Amino acid sequence: MRFSFAGSRQQPIDRAPLTNQEVYNAATVAPHGPTVRWTYTVPTGRKALLQSAYVKLMRQVAAAPVGYAQAYIVYQTTGIIISASINTNVIGDGSQLAIGQSITMLAGEEIHAGSDDASTGGSFRYLISANLLEYDA
Protein backbone atom coordinates (compact mmCIF):
# COMPACT_ATOMS: atom_id res chain seq x y z
CA MET A 1 0.00 0.00 0.00
CA ARG A 2 1.29 3.49 -0.84
CA PHE A 3 0.61 6.58 1.17
CA SER A 4 0.85 10.11 -0.14
CA PHE A 5 0.49 13.31 1.77
CA ALA A 6 -0.36 16.70 0.33
CA GLY A 7 2.77 18.79 -0.02
CA SER A 8 5.10 16.00 1.07
CA ARG A 9 8.50 15.52 -0.59
CA GLN A 10 9.83 12.28 -1.91
CA GLN A 11 12.23 10.38 0.28
CA PRO A 12 15.96 10.86 -0.55
CA ILE A 13 16.14 7.43 -2.18
CA ASP A 14 13.51 8.60 -4.70
CA ARG A 15 15.22 11.90 -5.61
CA ALA A 16 17.64 10.89 -8.40
CA PRO A 17 19.82 8.76 -6.09
CA LEU A 18 23.43 8.00 -6.87
CA THR A 19 25.68 5.77 -4.78
CA ASN A 20 29.30 6.89 -4.39
CA GLN A 21 32.02 4.63 -3.05
CA GLU A 22 35.31 6.23 -2.09
CA VAL A 23 38.16 3.78 -1.39
CA TYR A 24 41.87 3.90 -0.65
CA ASN A 25 43.42 0.44 -0.46
CA ALA A 26 47.21 0.16 -0.47
CA ALA A 27 49.88 -2.19 0.84
CA THR A 28 53.51 -1.67 1.93
CA VAL A 29 53.06 2.08 2.41
CA ALA A 30 56.25 3.68 3.78
CA PRO A 31 56.23 6.18 6.68
CA HIS A 32 54.76 9.56 5.72
CA GLY A 33 53.33 12.74 7.17
CA PRO A 34 49.61 13.58 7.00
CA THR A 35 48.50 12.63 3.47
CA VAL A 36 45.05 13.03 1.86
CA ARG A 37 44.05 9.75 0.18
CA TRP A 38 40.71 10.77 -1.38
CA THR A 39 38.24 13.66 -1.23
CA TYR A 40 34.50 13.80 -1.87
CA THR A 41 32.59 17.09 -2.31
CA VAL A 42 28.79 17.24 -2.56
CA PRO A 43 27.86 18.72 -5.96
CA THR A 44 25.68 21.84 -6.38
CA GLY A 45 21.96 21.10 -6.03
CA ARG A 46 22.58 17.80 -4.22
CA LYS A 47 22.83 16.40 -0.70
CA ALA A 48 24.69 13.30 0.44
CA LEU A 49 24.16 10.86 3.24
CA LEU A 50 27.24 9.13 4.64
CA GLN A 51 25.83 5.62 4.94
CA SER A 52 28.94 3.85 6.23
CA ALA A 53 32.65 4.38 6.79
CA TYR A 54 35.52 1.97 7.48
CA VAL A 55 39.17 2.49 8.36
CA LYS A 56 41.86 -0.15 8.87
CA LEU A 57 45.62 -0.13 9.18
CA MET A 58 47.97 -3.05 9.75
CA ARG A 59 51.73 -3.13 10.23
CA GLN A 60 53.41 -5.19 7.50
CA VAL A 61 57.10 -4.53 8.17
CA ALA A 62 58.58 -3.65 11.58
CA ALA A 63 59.93 -0.13 12.07
CA ALA A 64 63.06 1.10 13.82
CA PRO A 65 61.94 2.98 15.87
CA VAL A 66 58.16 2.68 15.98
CA GLY A 67 55.94 5.75 15.63
CA TYR A 68 52.25 6.57 15.94
CA ALA A 69 50.24 5.70 12.80
CA GLN A 70 46.62 6.37 11.92
CA ALA A 71 43.97 6.21 9.21
CA TYR A 72 40.96 8.56 9.33
CA ILE A 73 38.05 10.26 7.59
CA VAL A 74 37.49 13.97 8.28
CA TYR A 75 34.43 16.21 7.72
CA GLN A 76 35.03 19.78 6.51
CA THR A 77 38.76 19.70 7.42
CA THR A 78 38.21 19.78 11.20
CA GLY A 79 35.72 17.15 12.35
CA ILE A 80 37.05 13.61 12.59
CA ILE A 81 34.27 11.19 11.69
CA ILE A 82 36.24 7.99 12.23
CA SER A 83 39.85 7.18 13.12
CA ALA A 84 41.91 4.06 13.83
CA SER A 85 45.47 4.21 15.18
CA ILE A 86 48.29 2.10 16.61
CA ASN A 87 51.66 2.66 18.24
CA THR A 88 53.08 -0.88 18.23
CA ASN A 89 55.76 -2.60 16.21
CA VAL A 90 54.65 -6.22 15.83
CA ILE A 91 54.07 -7.40 12.27
CA GLY A 92 50.35 -8.02 11.86
CA ASP A 93 49.30 -5.56 14.59
CA GLY A 94 46.53 -3.29 13.46
CA SER A 95 43.40 -1.38 14.24
CA GLN A 96 40.06 -1.07 12.49
CA LEU A 97 36.77 0.69 13.04
CA ALA A 98 33.45 0.83 11.16
CA ILE A 99 30.42 3.08 11.60
CA GLY A 100 26.95 3.17 10.09
CA GLN A 101 24.83 6.09 8.96
CA SER A 102 26.23 9.25 10.47
CA ILE A 103 25.81 12.61 8.69
CA THR A 104 23.83 14.36 5.97
CA MET A 105 26.04 16.66 3.92
CA LEU A 106 24.89 19.74 1.98
CA ALA A 107 26.10 21.04 -1.40
CA GLY A 108 29.73 22.16 -1.22
CA GLU A 109 30.55 20.25 1.96
CA GLU A 110 33.36 17.71 1.82
CA ILE A 111 34.92 14.74 3.54
CA HIS A 112 38.37 13.36 2.94
CA ALA A 113 40.39 10.33 3.96
CA GLY A 114 43.93 10.51 5.19
CA SER A 115 46.73 8.65 6.87
CA ASP A 116 50.04 9.30 8.56
CA ASP A 117 52.86 7.24 10.05
CA ALA A 118 55.57 8.74 12.26
CA SER A 119 57.71 5.58 12.24
CA THR A 120 61.21 5.38 10.85
CA GLY A 121 61.21 2.51 8.39
CA GLY A 122 58.68 -0.28 8.21
CA SER A 123 55.39 -0.18 6.32
CA PHE A 124 51.62 -0.39 6.69
CA ARG A 125 48.62 -1.65 4.79
CA TYR A 126 45.69 0.81 4.68
CA LEU A 127 42.02 0.48 3.78
CA ILE A 128 39.90 3.62 4.10
CA SER A 129 36.42 3.64 2.58
CA ALA A 130 33.09 5.47 2.64
CA ASN A 131 29.72 4.71 1.09
CA LEU A 132 27.59 7.78 0.30
CA LEU A 133 24.06 8.17 -1.06
CA GLU A 134 23.84 11.36 -3.12
CA TYR A 135 20.41 12.79 -4.04
CA ASP A 136 18.64 15.96 -5.23
CA ALA A 137 18.44 18.62 -2.53
C-alpha atoms as a PDB file:
ATOM      1  CA  MET A   1       0.000   0.000   0.000  1.00  0.00           C
ATOM      2  CA  ARG A   2       1.287   3.487  -0.843  1.00  0.00           C
ATOM      3  CA  PHE A   3       0.610   6.585   1.166  1.00  0.00           C
ATOM      4  CA  SER A   4       0.854  10.112  -0.144  1.00  0.00           C
ATOM      5  CA  PHE A   5       0.485  13.305   1.774  1.00  0.00           C
ATOM      6  CA  ALA A   6      -0.363  16.699   0.332  1.00  0.00           C
ATOM      7  CA  GLY A   7       2.769  18.786  -0.023  1.00  0.00           C
ATOM      8  CA  SER A   8       5.102  16.003   1.071  1.00  0.00           C
ATOM      9  CA  ARG A   9       8.497  15.520  -0.590  1.00  0.00           C
ATOM     10  CA  GLN A  10       9.831  12.280  -1.910  1.00  0.00           C
ATOM     11  CA  GLN A  11      12.229  10.378   0.280  1.00  0.00           C
ATOM     12  CA  PRO A  12      15.956  10.856  -0.545  1.00  0.00           C
ATOM     13  CA  ILE A  13      16.140   7.429  -2.176  1.00  0.00           C
ATOM     14  CA  ASP A  14      13.511   8.604  -4.700  1.00  0.00           C
ATOM     15  CA  ARG A  15      15.221  11.898  -5.607  1.00  0.00           C
ATOM     16  CA  ALA A  16      17.639  10.895  -8.397  1.00  0.00           C
ATOM     17  CA  PRO A  17      19.817   8.762  -6.093  1.00  0.00           C
ATOM     18  CA  LEU A  18      23.428   7.995  -6.868  1.00  0.00           C
ATOM     19  CA  THR A  19      25.683   5.772  -4.782  1.00  0.00           C
ATOM     20  CA  ASN A  20      29.300   6.891  -4.393  1.00  0.00           C
ATOM     21  CA  GLN A  21      32.020   4.628  -3.052  1.00  0.00           C
ATOM     22  CA  GLU A  22      35.308   6.230  -2.087  1.00  0.00           C
ATOM     23  CA  VAL A  23      38.156   3.780  -1.393  1.00  0.00           C
ATOM     24  CA  TYR A  24      41.867   3.904  -0.647  1.00  0.00           C
ATOM     25  CA  ASN A  25      43.416   0.435  -0.457  1.00  0.00           C
ATOM     26  CA  ALA A  26      47.210   0.160  -0.473  1.00  0.00           C
ATOM     27  CA  ALA A  27      49.882  -2.189   0.840  1.00  0.00           C
ATOM     28  CA  THR A  28      53.510  -1.668   1.931  1.00  0.00           C
ATOM     29  CA  VAL A  29      53.055   2.084   2.413  1.00  0.00           C
ATOM     30  CA  ALA A  30      56.252   3.676   3.776  1.00  0.00           C
ATOM     31  CA  PRO A  31      56.231   6.175   6.678  1.00  0.00           C
ATOM     32  CA  HIS A  32      54.764   9.557   5.717  1.00  0.00           C
ATOM     33  CA  GLY A  33      53.327  12.739   7.171  1.00  0.00           C
ATOM     34  CA  PRO A  34      49.610  13.583   6.999  1.00  0.00           C
ATOM     35  CA  THR A  35      48.497  12.635   3.474  1.00  0.00           C
ATOM     36  CA  VAL A  36      45.055  13.027   1.865  1.00  0.00           C
ATOM     37  CA  ARG A  37      44.054   9.750   0.177  1.00  0.00           C
ATOM     38  CA  TRP A  38      40.711  10.773  -1.378  1.00  0.00           C
ATOM     39  CA  THR A  39      38.245  13.664  -1.227  1.00  0.00           C
ATOM     40  CA  TYR A  40      34.499  13.805  -1.874  1.00  0.00           C
ATOM     41  CA  THR A  41      32.587  17.090  -2.309  1.00  0.00           C
ATOM     42  CA  VAL A  42      28.790  17.238  -2.557  1.00  0.00           C
ATOM     43  CA  PRO A  43      27.855  18.723  -5.964  1.00  0.00           C
ATOM     44  CA  THR A  44      25.677  21.835  -6.382  1.00  0.00           C
ATOM     45  CA  GLY A  45      21.963  21.096  -6.031  1.00  0.00           C
ATOM     46  CA  ARG A  46      22.578  17.801  -4.223  1.00  0.00           C
ATOM     47  CA  LYS A  47      22.830  16.402  -0.702  1.00  0.00           C
ATOM     48  CA  ALA A  48      24.693  13.303   0.435  1.00  0.00           C
ATOM     49  CA  LEU A  49      24.158  10.856   3.241  1.00  0.00           C
ATOM     50  CA  LEU A  50      27.244   9.134   4.643  1.00  0.00           C
ATOM     51  CA  GLN A  51      25.835   5.615   4.943  1.00  0.00           C
ATOM     52  CA  SER A  52      28.942   3.852   6.233  1.00  0.00           C
ATOM     53  CA  ALA A  53      32.654   4.377   6.791  1.00  0.00           C
ATOM     54  CA  TYR A  54      35.516   1.971   7.482  1.00  0.00           C
ATOM     55  CA  VAL A  55      39.170   2.494   8.363  1.00  0.00           C
ATOM     56  CA  LYS A  56      41.857  -0.149   8.869  1.00  0.00           C
ATOM     57  CA  LEU A  57      45.617  -0.128   9.177  1.00  0.00           C
ATOM     58  CA  MET A  58      47.965  -3.054   9.755  1.00  0.00           C
ATOM     59  CA  ARG A  59      51.730  -3.127  10.229  1.00  0.00           C
ATOM     60  CA  GLN A  60      53.411  -5.188   7.497  1.00  0.00           C
ATOM     61  CA  VAL A  61      57.103  -4.534   8.169  1.00  0.00           C
ATOM     62  CA  ALA A  62      58.576  -3.654  11.577  1.00  0.00           C
ATOM     63  CA  ALA A  63      59.933  -0.133  12.071  1.00  0.00           C
ATOM     64  CA  ALA A  64      63.060   1.096  13.818  1.00  0.00           C
ATOM     65  CA  PRO A  65      61.937   2.982  15.874  1.00  0.00           C
ATOM     66  CA  VAL A  66      58.160   2.682  15.975  1.00  0.00           C
ATOM     67  CA  GLY A  67      55.938   5.755  15.628  1.00  0.00           C
ATOM     68  CA  TYR A  68      52.245   6.571  15.945  1.00  0.00           C
ATOM     69  CA  ALA A  69      50.240   5.696  12.797  1.00  0.00           C
ATOM     70  CA  GLN A  70      46.616   6.374  11.924  1.00  0.00           C
ATOM     71  CA  ALA A  71      43.970   6.213   9.207  1.00  0.00           C
ATOM     72  CA  TYR A  72      40.962   8.556   9.333  1.00  0.00           C
ATOM     73  CA  ILE A  73      38.046  10.265   7.594  1.00  0.00           C
ATOM     74  CA  VAL A  74      37.492  13.967   8.284  1.00  0.00           C
ATOM     75  CA  TYR A  75      34.434  16.208   7.722  1.00  0.00           C
ATOM     76  CA  GLN A  76      35.033  19.779   6.508  1.00  0.00           C
ATOM     77  CA  THR A  77      38.762  19.701   7.419  1.00  0.00           C
ATOM     78  CA  THR A  78      38.209  19.778  11.197  1.00  0.00           C
ATOM     79  CA  GLY A  79      35.717  17.150  12.355  1.00  0.00           C
ATOM     80  CA  ILE A  80      37.054  13.615  12.591  1.00  0.00           C
ATOM     81  CA  ILE A  81      34.272  11.188  11.693  1.00  0.00           C
ATOM     82  CA  ILE A  82      36.242   7.985  12.233  1.00  0.00           C
ATOM     83  CA  SER A  83      39.850   7.179  13.117  1.00  0.00           C
ATOM     84  CA  ALA A  84      41.913   4.064  13.830  1.00  0.00           C
ATOM     85  CA  SER A  85      45.470   4.207  15.176  1.00  0.00           C
ATOM     86  CA  ILE A  86      48.289   2.097  16.606  1.00  0.00           C
ATOM     87  CA  ASN A  87      51.656   2.664  18.237  1.00  0.00           C
ATOM     88  CA  THR A  88      53.076  -0.880  18.231  1.00  0.00           C
ATOM     89  CA  ASN A  89      55.761  -2.604  16.208  1.00  0.00           C
ATOM     90  CA  VAL A  90      54.653  -6.215  15.832  1.00  0.00           C
ATOM     91  CA  ILE A  91      54.071  -7.395  12.265  1.00  0.00           C
ATOM     92  CA  GLY A  92      50.347  -8.019  11.863  1.00  0.00           C
ATOM     93  CA  ASP A  93      49.304  -5.563  14.592  1.00  0.00           C
ATOM     94  CA  GLY A  94      46.526  -3.287  13.455  1.00  0.00           C
ATOM     95  CA  SER A  95      43.397  -1.383  14.236  1.00  0.00           C
ATOM     96  CA  GLN A  96      40.060  -1.066  12.488  1.00  0.00           C
ATOM     97  CA  LEU A  97      36.766   0.690  13.035  1.00  0.00           C
ATOM     98  CA  ALA A  98      33.446   0.829  11.165  1.00  0.00           C
ATOM     99  CA  ILE A  99      30.417   3.079  11.596  1.00  0.00           C
ATOM    100  CA  GLY A 100      26.950   3.169  10.089  1.00  0.00           C
ATOM    101  CA  GLN A 101      24.828   6.095   8.959  1.00  0.00           C
ATOM    102  CA  SER A 102      26.234   9.252  10.474  1.00  0.00           C
ATOM    103  CA  ILE A 103      25.806  12.611   8.687  1.00  0.00           C
ATOM    104  CA  THR A 104      23.832  14.362   5.968  1.00  0.00           C
ATOM    105  CA  MET A 105      26.036  16.665   3.915  1.00  0.00           C
ATOM    106  CA  LEU A 106      24.892  19.742   1.979  1.00  0.00           C
ATOM    107  CA  ALA A 107      26.095  21.039  -1.400  1.00  0.00           C
ATOM    108  CA  GLY A 108      29.729  22.165  -1.218  1.00  0.00           C
ATOM    109  CA  GLU A 109      30.552  20.249   1.963  1.00  0.00           C
ATOM    110  CA  GLU A 110      33.362  17.713   1.821  1.00  0.00           C
ATOM    111  CA  ILE A 111      34.919  14.742   3.535  1.00  0.00           C
ATOM    112  CA  HIS A 112      38.369  13.361   2.944  1.00  0.00           C
ATOM    113  CA  ALA A 113      40.389  10.326   3.959  1.00  0.00           C
ATOM    114  CA  GLY A 114      43.929  10.506   5.193  1.00  0.00           C
ATOM    115  CA  SER A 115      46.734   8.645   6.867  1.00  0.00           C
ATOM    116  CA  ASP A 116      50.040   9.302   8.563  1.00  0.00           C
ATOM    117  CA  ASP A 117      52.863   7.237  10.045  1.00  0.00           C
ATOM    118  CA  ALA A 118      55.571   8.738  12.259  1.00  0.00           C
ATOM    119  CA  SER A 119      57.706   5.582  12.241  1.00  0.00           C
ATOM    120  CA  THR A 120      61.210   5.382  10.852  1.00  0.00           C
ATOM    121  CA  GLY A 121      61.212   2.510   8.388  1.00  0.00           C
ATOM    122  CA  GLY A 122      58.685  -0.282   8.208  1.00  0.00           C
ATOM    123  CA  SER A 123      55.392  -0.183   6.319  1.00  0.00           C
ATOM    124  CA  PHE A 124      51.616  -0.389   6.693  1.00  0.00           C
ATOM    125  CA  ARG A 125      48.618  -1.652   4.791  1.00  0.00           C
ATOM    126  CA  TYR A 126      45.694   0.806   4.684  1.00  0.00           C
ATOM    127  CA  LEU A 127      42.019   0.483   3.781  1.00  0.00           C
ATOM    128  CA  ILE A 128      39.897   3.625   4.102  1.00  0.00           C
ATOM    129  CA  SER A 129      36.416   3.642   2.585  1.00  0.00           C
ATOM    130  CA  ALA A 130      33.093   5.468   2.637  1.00  0.00           C
ATOM    131  CA  ASN A 131      29.722   4.711   1.093  1.00  0.00           C
ATOM    132  CA  LEU A 132      27.587   7.776   0.299  1.00  0.00           C
ATOM    133  CA  LEU A 133      24.063   8.169  -1.058  1.00  0.00           C
ATOM    134  CA  GLU A 134      23.842  11.362  -3.123  1.00  0.00           C
ATOM    135  CA  TYR A 135      20.414  12.793  -4.040  1.00  0.00           C
ATOM    136  CA  ASP A 136      18.639  15.964  -5.231  1.00  0.00           C
ATOM    137  CA  ALA A 137      18.437  18.617  -2.527  1.00  0.00           C
END
